[in-house]
Amino acid sequence: MPALLGAFAAAALKHARWADVIHANWLGAGIAGAPAHLAGRKPLVLTLRGDDAYNIHAGGLWRVTGRFVFSQCAAVTAVSENMSSLVQPYLPPRCGPVIVPTFGVDTGRFRPPDAAERAARGGGAGGLFVGNILRAKGVDVLLRALAACRGDWETFHFVGAGPDTEAMGALARRLDLGDRVEWAGRQPGREVAAWMRSADFLVLPSLSEGRPNVVLEAMASGLAVVASRVGGVPHLIDDGRTGLIVEPGDVAGLAAAIARVGRDADLRSALGRQARRHIEDNDLTWDRTAEEFEVIFRRVTRR
């Protein structure tokens, strides 16, 4: 980690010379960006994305580091209101309140399937997980839930990679999920969008999250979403209308939710349709995100 942060900081110093603003996504990036700010006096904007905010709140070295990075920031943003409230007490007064911009999604890339794509899905309910293959993402909980309701879904695809991939594959074999589970590995963004158009529902069983983009991407794709009640998820999903929310780590509850969307094509369709409408009605797009960050960047460069 020290070597990684050192290389990261050196790259930031090199490239910050031509920049007007340094935008650090995640506290680790803020640690790397702080020397570039100090060397060039370019305003530093930090975005907290998930575990970094929770770790600062928990205390210890993360809080000490967070306070240092905050002291160098012209503005601090967070991806959800709950994260904002966790870190606000540790910001110096000159930073002002933590800003929570609208974080949207590429609604052109992530879209509902057309008629041909819908027909290619075939029969049966196909589920999808997109993310790092980690126990913290609840992958083991998901596999046990799939085993508990194996009669209610046809196939399930895991798109992503991570250090627990081998262990999760072994667990799937022990649970006798067999060929109905596919491990597709890490995929580029355009392929992820295609995977979403070919699926019937997405499951995010994480034990902790910030404001997961994958939920917004699935909603924009017109997918029924089942996700755990962590981080900013309850702010994204209206339970029962634009998706289903379950308690984190609850195998039985997750299995029941998967069974609901797996058995009921009308429910899947309604959830997905209402989810896409929610994205459109609230303008949860990349354009809006860019516009709001432009306002932040212009404000800090005028100081």
C-alpha atoms as a PDB file:
ATOM      1  CA  MET A   1       0.000   0.000   0.000  1.00  0.00           C
ATOM      2  CA  PRO A   2       2.749   2.595   0.733  1.00  0.00           C
ATOM      3  CA  ALA A   3       4.330   1.881  -2.674  1.00  0.00           C
ATOM      4  CA  LEU A   4       0.943   2.150  -4.402  1.00  0.00           C
ATOM      5  CA  LEU A   5       0.122   5.475  -2.728  1.00  0.00           C
ATOM      6  CA  GLY A   6       3.613   6.775  -3.486  1.00  0.00           C
ATOM      7  CA  ALA A   7       3.253   5.989  -7.188  1.00  0.00           C
ATOM      8  CA  PHE A   8      -0.279   7.414  -7.155  1.00  0.00           C
ATOM      9  CA  ALA A   9       0.940  10.646  -5.525  1.00  0.00           C
ATOM     10  CA  ALA A  10       3.817  10.959  -8.024  1.00  0.00           C
ATOM     11  CA  ALA A  11       1.383  10.620 -10.940  1.00  0.00           C
ATOM     12  CA  ALA A  12      -0.939  13.198  -9.370  1.00  0.00           C
ATOM     13  CA  LEU A  13       1.966  15.643  -8.938  1.00  0.00           C
ATOM     14  CA  LYS A  14       2.946  15.186 -12.587  1.00  0.00           C
ATOM     15  CA  HIS A  15      -0.512  15.669 -14.062  1.00  0.00           C
ATOM     16  CA  ALA A  16      -1.802  18.338 -11.661  1.00  0.00           C
ATOM     17  CA  ARG A  17       0.520  20.901 -13.217  1.00  0.00           C
ATOM     18  CA  TRP A  18      -1.911  21.491 -16.104  1.00  0.00           C
ATOM     19  CA  ALA A  19      -5.091  21.080 -14.049  1.00  0.00           C
ATOM     20  CA  ASP A  20      -7.407  23.704 -12.589  1.00  0.00           C
ATOM     21  CA  VAL A  21      -8.904  21.315 -10.007  1.00  0.00           C
ATOM     22  CA  ILE A  22      -7.795  18.035  -8.457  1.00  0.00           C
ATOM     23  CA  HIS A  23     -10.806  15.737  -8.020  1.00  0.00           C
ATOM     24  CA  ALA A  24     -10.072  12.755  -5.773  1.00  0.00           C
ATOM     25  CA  ASN A  25     -12.530   9.878  -5.823  1.00  0.00           C
ATOM     26  CA  TRP A  26     -12.156   7.922  -2.540  1.00  0.00           C
ATOM     27  CA  LEU A  27     -10.086   8.837   0.513  1.00  0.00           C
ATOM     28  CA  GLY A  28      -7.051   6.919  -0.781  1.00  0.00           C
ATOM     29  CA  ALA A  29      -7.082   9.129  -3.872  1.00  0.00           C
ATOM     30  CA  GLY A  30      -7.330  12.137  -1.551  1.00  0.00           C
ATOM     31  CA  ILE A  31      -4.155  11.021   0.232  1.00  0.00           C
ATOM     32  CA  ALA A  32      -2.426  10.882  -3.159  1.00  0.00           C
ATOM     33  CA  GLY A  33      -3.923  14.191  -4.285  1.00  0.00           C
ATOM     34  CA  ALA A  34      -3.016  16.190  -1.170  1.00  0.00           C
ATOM     35  CA  PRO A  35       0.712  16.537  -2.068  1.00  0.00           C
ATOM     36  CA  ALA A  36      -0.263  17.760  -5.547  1.00  0.00           C
ATOM     37  CA  HIS A  37      -2.539  20.332  -3.951  1.00  0.00           C
ATOM     38  CA  LEU A  38       0.209  21.471  -1.558  1.00  0.00           C
ATOM     39  CA  ALA A  39       2.811  21.682  -4.326  1.00  0.00           C
ATOM     40  CA  GLY A  40       0.687  23.521  -6.898  1.00  0.00           C
ATOM     41  CA  ARG A  41      -1.997  25.154  -4.740  1.00  0.00           C
ATOM     42  CA  LYS A  42      -4.644  23.657  -7.011  1.00  0.00           C
ATOM     43  CA  PRO A  43      -7.990  23.252  -5.207  1.00  0.00           C
ATOM     44  CA  LEU A  44      -8.694  19.694  -4.053  1.00  0.00           C
ATOM     45  CA  VAL A  45     -12.230  18.269  -4.200  1.00  0.00           C
ATOM     46  CA  LEU A  46     -12.768  14.926  -2.476  1.00  0.00           C
ATOM     47  CA  THR A  47     -15.624  12.507  -3.147  1.00  0.00           C
ATOM     48  CA  LEU A  48     -16.283   9.862  -0.477  1.00  0.00           C
ATOM     49  CA  ARG A  49     -17.658   6.721  -2.051  1.00  0.00           C
ATOM     50  CA  GLY A  50     -18.383   4.110   0.620  1.00  0.00           C
ATOM     51  CA  ASP A  51     -16.194   2.325   3.134  1.00  0.00           C
ATOM     52  CA  ASP A  52     -13.894   5.352   3.387  1.00  0.00           C
ATOM     53  CA  ALA A  53     -16.656   7.354   5.101  1.00  0.00           C
ATOM     54  CA  TYR A  54     -17.575   4.469   7.413  1.00  0.00           C
ATOM     55  CA  ASN A  55     -13.902   3.950   8.342  1.00  0.00           C
ATOM     56  CA  ILE A  56     -13.462   7.656   9.171  1.00  0.00           C
ATOM     57  CA  HIS A  57     -16.522   7.469  11.414  1.00  0.00           C
ATOM     58  CA  ALA A  58     -15.153   4.333  13.121  1.00  0.00           C
ATOM     59  CA  GLY A  59     -12.010   6.175  14.186  1.00  0.00           C
ATOM     60  CA  GLY A  60      -8.361   5.188  14.427  1.00  0.00           C
ATOM     61  CA  LEU A  61      -5.821   5.840  11.662  1.00  0.00           C
ATOM     62  CA  TRP A  62      -8.557   6.333   9.041  1.00  0.00           C
ATOM     63  CA  ARG A  63      -9.994   9.243  11.010  1.00  0.00           C
ATOM     64  CA  VAL A  64      -6.568  10.844  11.470  1.00  0.00           C
ATOM     65  CA  THR A  65      -5.904  10.463   7.741  1.00  0.00           C
ATOM     66  CA  GLY A  66      -9.350  11.758   6.881  1.00  0.00           C
ATOM     67  CA  ARG A  67      -8.895  14.874   8.992  1.00  0.00           C
ATOM     68  CA  PHE A  68      -5.595  15.607   7.238  1.00  0.00           C
ATOM     69  CA  VAL A  69      -7.127  15.213   3.754  1.00  0.00           C
ATOM     70  CA  PHE A  70     -10.156  17.296   4.759  1.00  0.00           C
ATOM     71  CA  SER A  71      -7.816  20.073   5.909  1.00  0.00           C
ATOM     72  CA  GLN A  72      -6.481  20.301   2.345  1.00  0.00           C
ATOM     73  CA  CYS A  73      -9.877  20.235   0.612  1.00  0.00           C
ATOM     74  CA  ALA A  74     -11.747  23.125  -0.931  1.00  0.00           C
ATOM     75  CA  ALA A  75     -14.904  20.976  -0.967  1.00  0.00           C
ATOM     76  CA  VAL A  76     -15.953  17.485   0.130  1.00  0.00           C
ATOM     77  CA  THR A  77     -18.717  15.533  -1.568  1.00  0.00           C
ATOM     78  CA  ALA A  78     -20.296  12.167  -0.782  1.00  0.00           C
ATOM     79  CA  VAL A  79     -22.406   9.743  -2.758  1.00  0.00           C
ATOM     80  CA  SER A  80     -25.198   9.522  -0.169  1.00  0.00           C
ATOM     81  CA  GLU A  81     -26.799  11.519   2.638  1.00  0.00           C
ATOM     82  CA  ASN A  82     -25.990   8.931   5.305  1.00  0.00           C
ATOM     83  CA  MET A  83     -22.285   9.119   4.422  1.00  0.00           C
ATOM     84  CA  SER A  84     -22.469  12.911   4.590  1.00  0.00           C
ATOM     85  CA  SER A  85     -23.807  12.807   8.129  1.00  0.00           C
ATOM     86  CA  LEU A  86     -21.060  10.377   9.214  1.00  0.00           C
ATOM     87  CA  VAL A  87     -18.153  12.601   8.176  1.00  0.00           C
ATOM     88  CA  GLN A  88     -19.523  16.138   8.636  1.00  0.00           C
ATOM     89  CA  PRO A  89     -18.300  16.412  12.275  1.00  0.00           C
ATOM     90  CA  TYR A  90     -14.685  15.904  11.145  1.00  0.00           C
ATOM     91  CA  LEU A  91     -14.589  18.626   8.477  1.00  0.00           C
ATOM     92  CA  PRO A  92     -12.938  21.989   9.183  1.00  0.00           C
ATOM     93  CA  PRO A  93     -15.444  24.887   9.083  1.00  0.00           C
ATOM     94  CA  ARG A  94     -13.937  26.372   5.914  1.00  0.00           C
ATOM     95  CA  CYS A  95     -15.032  23.284   3.925  1.00  0.00           C
ATOM     96  CA  GLY A  96     -18.660  23.985   4.713  1.00  0.00           C
ATOM     97  CA  PRO A  97     -21.256  21.215   4.601  1.00  0.00           C
ATOM     98  CA  VAL A  98     -20.585  17.965   2.761  1.00  0.00           C
ATOM     99  CA  ILE A  99     -22.179  18.233  -0.678  1.00  0.00           C
ATOM    100  CA  VAL A 100     -24.270  15.328  -1.993  1.00  0.00           C
ATOM    101  CA  PRO A 101     -24.542  15.804  -5.763  1.00  0.00           C
ATOM    102  CA  THR A 102     -26.892  13.808  -7.952  1.00  0.00           C
ATOM    103  CA  PHE A 103     -24.961  10.748  -9.075  1.00  0.00           C
ATOM    104  CA  GLY A 104     -26.555   9.450 -12.231  1.00  0.00           C
ATOM    105  CA  VAL A 105     -26.043   6.752 -14.821  1.00  0.00           C
ATOM    106  CA  ASP A 106     -25.330   6.526 -18.542  1.00  0.00           C
ATOM    107  CA  THR A 107     -28.935   6.093 -19.664  1.00  0.00           C
ATOM    108  CA  GLY A 108     -27.891   5.583 -23.273  1.00  0.00           C
ATOM    109  CA  ARG A 109     -25.656   2.620 -22.552  1.00  0.00           C
ATOM    110  CA  PHE A 110     -27.830   1.220 -19.773  1.00  0.00           C
ATOM    111  CA  ARG A 111     -31.293   0.904 -21.332  1.00  0.00           C
ATOM    112  CA  PRO A 112     -34.110  -1.630 -21.432  1.00  0.00           C
ATOM    113  CA  PRO A 113     -33.756  -4.385 -24.061  1.00  0.00           C
ATOM    114  CA  ASP A 114     -35.408  -3.937 -27.444  1.00  0.00           C
ATOM    115  CA  ALA A 115     -37.887  -6.510 -28.784  1.00  0.00           C
ATOM    116  CA  ALA A 116     -35.192  -8.708 -30.344  1.00  0.00           C
ATOM    117  CA  GLU A 117     -33.068  -8.686 -27.200  1.00  0.00           C
ATOM    118  CA  ARG A 118     -36.111  -9.477 -25.098  1.00  0.00           C
ATOM    119  CA  ALA A 119     -37.020 -12.418 -27.324  1.00  0.00           C
ATOM    120  CA  ALA A 120     -33.446 -13.757 -27.112  1.00  0.00           C
ATOM    121  CA  ARG A 121     -33.770 -14.177 -23.362  1.00  0.00           C
ATOM    122  CA  GLY A 122     -35.792 -17.337 -23.863  1.00  0.00           C
ATOM    123  CA  GLY A 123     -37.836 -19.000 -21.152  1.00  0.00           C
ATOM    124  CA  GLY A 124     -37.132 -19.101 -17.452  1.00  0.00           C
ATOM    125  CA  ALA A 125     -35.895 -16.373 -15.137  1.00  0.00           C
ATOM    126  CA  GLY A 126     -32.224 -15.448 -15.445  1.00  0.00           C
ATOM    127  CA  GLY A 127     -30.556 -13.657 -12.534  1.00  0.00           C
ATOM    128  CA  LEU A 128     -27.444 -11.492 -12.459  1.00  0.00           C
ATOM    129  CA  PHE A 129     -24.857 -10.282  -9.965  1.00  0.00           C
ATOM    130  CA  VAL A 130     -22.383  -7.575 -11.011  1.00  0.00           C
ATOM    131  CA  GLY A 131     -19.518  -6.621  -8.722  1.00  0.00           C
ATOM    132  CA  ASN A 132     -16.393  -7.793  -6.966  1.00  0.00           C
ATOM    133  CA  ILE A 133     -16.543 -11.418  -5.860  1.00  0.00           C
ATOM    134  CA  LEU A 134     -16.118 -10.800  -2.139  1.00  0.00           C
ATOM    135  CA  ARG A 135     -17.753 -12.035   1.022  1.00  0.00           C
ATOM    136  CA  ALA A 136     -18.339  -8.363   1.868  1.00  0.00           C
ATOM    137  CA  LYS A 137     -20.559  -8.224  -1.219  1.00  0.00           C
ATOM    138  CA  GLY A 138     -22.647 -11.045   0.254  1.00  0.00           C
ATOM    139  CA  VAL A 139     -21.815 -13.511  -2.529  1.00  0.00           C
ATOM    140  CA  ASP A 140     -21.878 -16.468  -0.119  1.00  0.00           C
ATOM    141  CA  VAL A 141     -25.264 -15.283   1.197  1.00  0.00           C
ATOM    142  CA  LEU A 142     -26.551 -15.088  -2.373  1.00  0.00           C
ATOM    143  CA  LEU A 143     -25.359 -18.594  -3.249  1.00  0.00           C
ATOM    144  CA  ARG A 144     -27.080 -20.048  -0.186  1.00  0.00           C
ATOM    145  CA  ALA A 145     -30.264 -18.140  -1.051  1.00  0.00           C
ATOM    146  CA  LEU A 146     -30.143 -19.479  -4.623  1.00  0.00           C
ATOM    147  CA  ALA A 147     -29.804 -23.004  -3.257  1.00  0.00           C
ATOM    148  CA  ALA A 148     -32.818 -22.425  -1.009  1.00  0.00           C
ATOM    149  CA  CYS A 149     -35.062 -21.373  -3.913  1.00  0.00           C
ATOM    150  CA  ARG A 150     -33.481 -23.293  -6.780  1.00  0.00           C
ATOM    151  CA  GLY A 151     -36.870 -24.081  -8.296  1.00  0.00           C
ATOM    152  CA  ASP A 152     -37.718 -20.412  -8.805  1.00  0.00           C
ATOM    153  CA  TRP A 153     -34.975 -19.350 -11.238  1.00  0.00           C
ATOM    154  CA  GLU A 154     -33.428 -20.819 -14.357  1.00  0.00           C
ATOM    155  CA  THR A 155     -29.852 -19.521 -14.557  1.00  0.00           C
ATOM    156  CA  PHE A 156     -27.677 -17.109 -12.593  1.00  0.00           C
ATOM    157  CA  HIS A 157     -24.618 -15.228 -13.854  1.00  0.00           C
ATOM    158  CA  PHE A 158     -21.855 -13.625 -11.787  1.00  0.00           C
ATOM    159  CA  VAL A 159     -20.086 -10.814 -13.652  1.00  0.00           C
ATOM    160  CA  GLY A 160     -16.978  -9.701 -11.819  1.00  0.00           C
ATOM    161  CA  ALA A 161     -13.807 -11.007 -10.219  1.00  0.00           C
ATOM    162  CA  GLY A 162     -12.113 -10.873  -6.857  1.00  0.00           C
ATOM    163  CA  PRO A 163     -10.047 -12.731  -4.279  1.00  0.00           C
ATOM    164  CA  ASP A 164     -12.977 -14.883  -3.148  1.00  0.00           C
ATOM    165  CA  THR A 165     -13.883 -16.185  -6.635  1.00  0.00           C
ATOM    166  CA  GLU A 166     -12.326 -19.608  -6.103  1.00  0.00           C
ATOM    167  CA  ALA A 167     -13.921 -20.030  -2.661  1.00  0.00           C
ATOM    168  CA  MET A 168     -17.326 -18.964  -3.972  1.00  0.00           C
ATOM    169  CA  GLY A 169     -17.038 -21.376  -6.909  1.00  0.00           C
ATOM    170  CA  ALA A 170     -16.292 -24.174  -4.436  1.00  0.00           C
ATOM    171  CA  LEU A 171     -19.297 -23.165  -2.333  1.00  0.00           C
ATOM    172  CA  ALA A 172     -21.550 -23.244  -5.429  1.00  0.00           C
ATOM    173  CA  ARG A 173     -20.379 -26.785  -6.148  1.00  0.00           C
ATOM    174  CA  ARG A 174     -20.997 -27.867  -2.549  1.00  0.00           C
ATOM    175  CA  LEU A 175     -24.508 -26.423  -2.807  1.00  0.00           C
ATOM    176  CA  ASP A 176     -25.020 -28.445  -6.004  1.00  0.00           C
ATOM    177  CA  LEU A 177     -25.886 -25.399  -8.092  1.00  0.00           C
ATOM    178  CA  GLY A 178     -24.029 -26.960 -10.991  1.00  0.00           C
ATOM    179  CA  ASP A 179     -24.273 -25.569 -14.507  1.00  0.00           C
ATOM    180  CA  ARG A 180     -27.048 -23.160 -13.562  1.00  0.00           C
ATOM    181  CA  VAL A 181     -24.437 -20.752 -12.152  1.00  0.00           C
ATOM    182  CA  GLU A 182     -21.911 -19.123 -14.505  1.00  0.00           C
ATOM    183  CA  TRP A 183     -18.817 -17.151 -13.478  1.00  0.00           C
ATOM    184  CA  ALA A 184     -18.283 -14.686 -16.332  1.00  0.00           C
ATOM    185  CA  GLY A 185     -15.321 -12.806 -14.838  1.00  0.00           C
ATOM    186  CA  ARG A 186     -14.641  -9.101 -15.108  1.00  0.00           C
ATOM    187  CA  GLN A 187     -16.249  -7.419 -18.104  1.00  0.00           C
ATOM    188  CA  PRO A 188     -15.879  -3.960 -19.727  1.00  0.00           C
ATOM    189  CA  GLY A 189     -18.698  -1.456 -19.229  1.00  0.00           C
ATOM    190  CA  ARG A 190     -20.386  -2.047 -22.579  1.00  0.00           C
ATOM    191  CA  GLU A 191     -20.459  -5.776 -21.952  1.00  0.00           C
ATOM    192  CA  VAL A 192     -21.938  -5.219 -18.487  1.00  0.00           C
ATOM    193  CA  ALA A 193     -24.753  -3.240 -20.122  1.00  0.00           C
ATOM    194  CA  ALA A 194     -25.361  -6.138 -22.527  1.00  0.00           C
ATOM    195  CA  TRP A 195     -25.438  -8.607 -19.637  1.00  0.00           C
ATOM    196  CA  MET A 196     -28.087  -6.474 -17.959  1.00  0.00           C
ATOM    197  CA  ARG A 197     -30.228  -6.421 -21.099  1.00  0.00           C
ATOM    198  CA  SER A 198     -30.072 -10.212 -21.244  1.00  0.00           C
ATOM    199  CA  ALA A 199     -31.042 -10.771 -17.587  1.00  0.00           C
ATOM    200  CA  ASP A 200     -34.441 -10.787 -15.892  1.00  0.00           C
ATOM    201  CA  PHE A 201     -33.401  -9.506 -12.471  1.00  0.00           C
ATOM    202  CA  LEU A 202     -30.309  -8.310 -10.594  1.00  0.00           C
ATOM    203  CA  VAL A 203     -29.354  -9.141  -7.015  1.00  0.00           C
ATOM    204  CA  LEU A 204     -26.989  -7.060  -4.870  1.00  0.00           C
ATOM    205  CA  PRO A 205     -26.722  -8.781  -1.457  1.00  0.00           C
ATOM    206  CA  SER A 206     -23.920  -6.573  -0.071  1.00  0.00           C
ATOM    207  CA  LEU A 207     -23.198  -6.360   3.640  1.00  0.00           C
ATOM    208  CA  SER A 208     -22.079  -2.722   3.230  1.00  0.00           C
ATOM    209  CA  GLU A 209     -22.264  -0.166   0.408  1.00  0.00           C
ATOM    210  CA  GLY A 210     -22.090   3.510  -0.341  1.00  0.00           C
ATOM    211  CA  ARG A 211     -24.467   4.373  -3.147  1.00  0.00           C
ATOM    212  CA  PRO A 212     -23.998   1.461  -5.541  1.00  0.00           C
ATOM    213  CA  ASN A 213     -23.888   2.454  -9.209  1.00  0.00           C
ATOM    214  CA  VAL A 214     -24.822  -1.080 -10.201  1.00  0.00           C
ATOM    215  CA  VAL A 215     -28.300  -0.556  -8.756  1.00  0.00           C
ATOM    216  CA  LEU A 216     -28.811   2.579 -10.846  1.00  0.00           C
ATOM    217  CA  GLU A 217     -27.454   0.804 -13.928  1.00  0.00           C
ATOM    218  CA  ALA A 218     -29.867  -2.084 -13.435  1.00  0.00           C
ATOM    219  CA  MET A 219     -32.793   0.279 -12.856  1.00  0.00           C
ATOM    220  CA  ALA A 220     -31.902   2.201 -16.024  1.00  0.00           C
ATOM    221  CA  SER A 221     -31.796  -1.151 -17.846  1.00  0.00           C
ATOM    222  CA  GLY A 222     -35.365  -1.876 -16.774  1.00  0.00           C
ATOM    223  CA  LEU A 223     -34.331  -4.731 -14.489  1.00  0.00           C
ATOM    224  CA  ALA A 224     -36.113  -5.840 -11.352  1.00  0.00           C
ATOM    225  CA  VAL A 225     -33.590  -5.332  -8.527  1.00  0.00           C
ATOM    226  CA  VAL A 226     -33.276  -7.173  -5.228  1.00  0.00           C
ATOM    227  CA  ALA A 227     -30.793  -5.457  -2.897  1.00  0.00           C
ATOM    228  CA  SER A 228     -29.877  -5.434   0.766  1.00  0.00           C
ATOM    229  CA  ARG A 229     -30.769  -2.553   3.068  1.00  0.00           C
ATOM    230  CA  VAL A 230     -27.299  -1.006   3.380  1.00  0.00           C
ATOM    231  CA  GLY A 231     -25.786   2.426   2.754  1.00  0.00           C
ATOM    232  CA  GLY A 232     -27.669   4.475   0.195  1.00  0.00           C
ATOM    233  CA  VAL A 233     -29.695   1.568  -1.226  1.00  0.00           C
ATOM    234  CA  PRO A 234     -32.956   2.575   0.545  1.00  0.00           C
ATOM    235  CA  HIS A 235     -32.633   6.014  -1.088  1.00  0.00           C
ATOM    236  CA  LEU A 236     -32.408   4.414  -4.530  1.00  0.00           C
ATOM    237  CA  ILE A 237     -35.133   1.767  -4.296  1.00  0.00           C
ATOM    238  CA  ASP A 238     -38.750   2.284  -3.316  1.00  0.00           C
ATOM    239  CA  ASP A 239     -39.360  -1.145  -1.788  1.00  0.00           C
ATOM    240  CA  GLY A 240     -42.138  -2.984  -3.620  1.00  0.00           C
ATOM    241  CA  ARG A 241     -42.422  -0.380  -6.383  1.00  0.00           C
ATOM    242  CA  THR A 242     -39.032   0.010  -8.073  1.00  0.00           C
ATOM    243  CA  GLY A 243     -37.354  -3.033  -6.516  1.00  0.00           C
ATOM    244  CA  LEU A 244     -37.238  -5.245  -3.436  1.00  0.00           C
ATOM    245  CA  ILE A 245     -35.115  -4.615  -0.335  1.00  0.00           C
ATOM    246  CA  VAL A 246     -34.008  -7.321   2.114  1.00  0.00           C
ATOM    247  CA  GLU A 247     -31.969  -7.254   5.284  1.00  0.00           C
ATOM    248  CA  PRO A 248     -28.211  -7.834   4.826  1.00  0.00           C
ATOM    249  CA  GLY A 249     -27.045 -11.360   5.570  1.00  0.00           C
ATOM    250  CA  ASP A 250     -30.614 -12.757   5.679  1.00  0.00           C
ATOM    251  CA  VAL A 251     -30.451 -15.912   3.539  1.00  0.00           C
ATOM    252  CA  ALA A 252     -34.124 -16.793   4.010  1.00  0.00           C
ATOM    253  CA  GLY A 253     -35.305 -13.254   3.272  1.00  0.00           C
ATOM    254  CA  LEU A 254     -33.130 -13.031   0.160  1.00  0.00           C
ATOM    255  CA  ALA A 255     -34.346 -16.423  -1.041  1.00  0.00           C
ATOM    256  CA  ALA A 256     -37.969 -15.316  -0.612  1.00  0.00           C
ATOM    257  CA  ALA A 257     -37.353 -12.115  -2.617  1.00  0.00           C
ATOM    258  CA  ILE A 258     -35.580 -14.019  -5.404  1.00  0.00           C
ATOM    259  CA  ALA A 259     -38.446 -16.502  -5.474  1.00  0.00           C
ATOM    260  CA  ARG A 260     -40.944 -13.638  -5.856  1.00  0.00           C
ATOM    261  CA  VAL A 261     -39.218 -12.093  -8.853  1.00  0.00           C
ATOM    262  CA  GLY A 262     -38.270 -15.467 -10.282  1.00  0.00           C
ATOM    263  CA  ARG A 263     -41.814 -16.842 -10.293  1.00  0.00           C
ATOM    264  CA  ASP A 264     -43.715 -13.712 -11.275  1.00  0.00           C
ATOM    265  CA  ALA A 265     -42.921 -12.315 -14.734  1.00  0.00           C
ATOM    266  CA  ASP A 266     -45.550  -9.586 -14.307  1.00  0.00           C
ATOM    267  CA  LEU A 267     -43.899  -8.418 -11.084  1.00  0.00           C
ATOM    268  CA  ARG A 268     -40.469  -8.377 -12.738  1.00  0.00           C
ATOM    269  CA  SER A 269     -41.848  -6.345 -15.618  1.00  0.00           C
ATOM    270  CA  ALA A 270     -43.617  -3.856 -13.331  1.00  0.00           C
ATOM    271  CA  LEU A 271     -40.587  -3.352 -11.091  1.00  0.00           C
ATOM    272  CA  GLY A 272     -38.283  -2.853 -14.058  1.00  0.00           C
ATOM    273  CA  ARG A 273     -40.650  -0.474 -15.845  1.00  0.00           C
ATOM    274  CA  GLN A 274     -41.156   1.642 -12.727  1.00  0.00           C
ATOM    275  CA  ALA A 275     -37.412   1.635 -12.012  1.00  0.00           C
ATOM    276  CA  ARG A 276     -36.604   3.017 -15.466  1.00  0.00           C
ATOM    277  CA  ARG A 277     -39.337   5.634 -15.069  1.00  0.00           C
ATOM    278  CA  HIS A 278     -37.833   6.650 -11.709  1.00  0.00           C
ATOM    279  CA  ILE A 279     -34.440   7.206 -13.387  1.00  0.00           C
ATOM    280  CA  GLU A 280     -36.031   9.324 -16.118  1.00  0.00           C
ATOM    281  CA  ASP A 281     -38.411  11.303 -13.891  1.00  0.00           C
ATOM    282  CA  ASN A 282     -35.603  12.246 -11.486  1.00  0.00           C
ATOM    283  CA  ASP A 283     -33.059  12.947 -14.246  1.00  0.00           C
ATOM    284  CA  LEU A 284     -30.527  10.529 -12.739  1.00  0.00           C
ATOM    285  CA  THR A 285     -28.149  10.933 -15.668  1.00  0.00           C
ATOM    286  CA  TRP A 286     -24.451  11.525 -16.239  1.00  0.00           C
ATOM    287  CA  ASP A 287     -25.280  14.908 -17.768  1.00  0.00           C
ATOM    288  CA  ARG A 288     -26.848  16.096 -14.537  1.00  0.00           C
ATOM    289  CA  THR A 289     -23.920  14.743 -12.510  1.00  0.00           C
ATOM    290  CA  ALA A 290     -21.481  16.601 -14.758  1.00  0.00           C
ATOM    291  CA  GLU A 291     -23.448  19.847 -14.485  1.00  0.00           C
ATOM    292  CA  GLU A 292     -23.502  19.708 -10.686  1.00  0.00           C
ATOM    293  CA  PHE A 293     -19.778  18.975 -10.452  1.00  0.00           C
ATOM    294  CA  GLU A 294     -19.061  21.813 -12.857  1.00  0.00           C
ATOM    295  CA  VAL A 295     -20.793  24.161 -10.424  1.00  0.00           C
ATOM    296  CA  ILE A 296     -18.611  22.823  -7.581  1.00  0.00           C
ATOM    297  CA  PHE A 297     -15.411  23.112  -9.622  1.00  0.00           C
ATOM    298  CA  ARG A 298     -16.190  26.666 -10.736  1.00  0.00           C
ATOM    299  CA  ARG A 299     -16.920  27.682  -7.142  1.00  0.00           C
ATOM    300  CA  VAL A 300     -13.634  26.346  -5.745  1.00  0.00           C
ATOM    301  CA  THR A 301     -11.537  27.846  -8.546  1.00  0.00           C
ATOM    302  CA  ARG A 302     -12.953  31.313  -7.845  1.00  0.00           C
ATOM    303  CA  ARG A 303     -11.728  31.340  -4.256  1.00  0.00           C
END
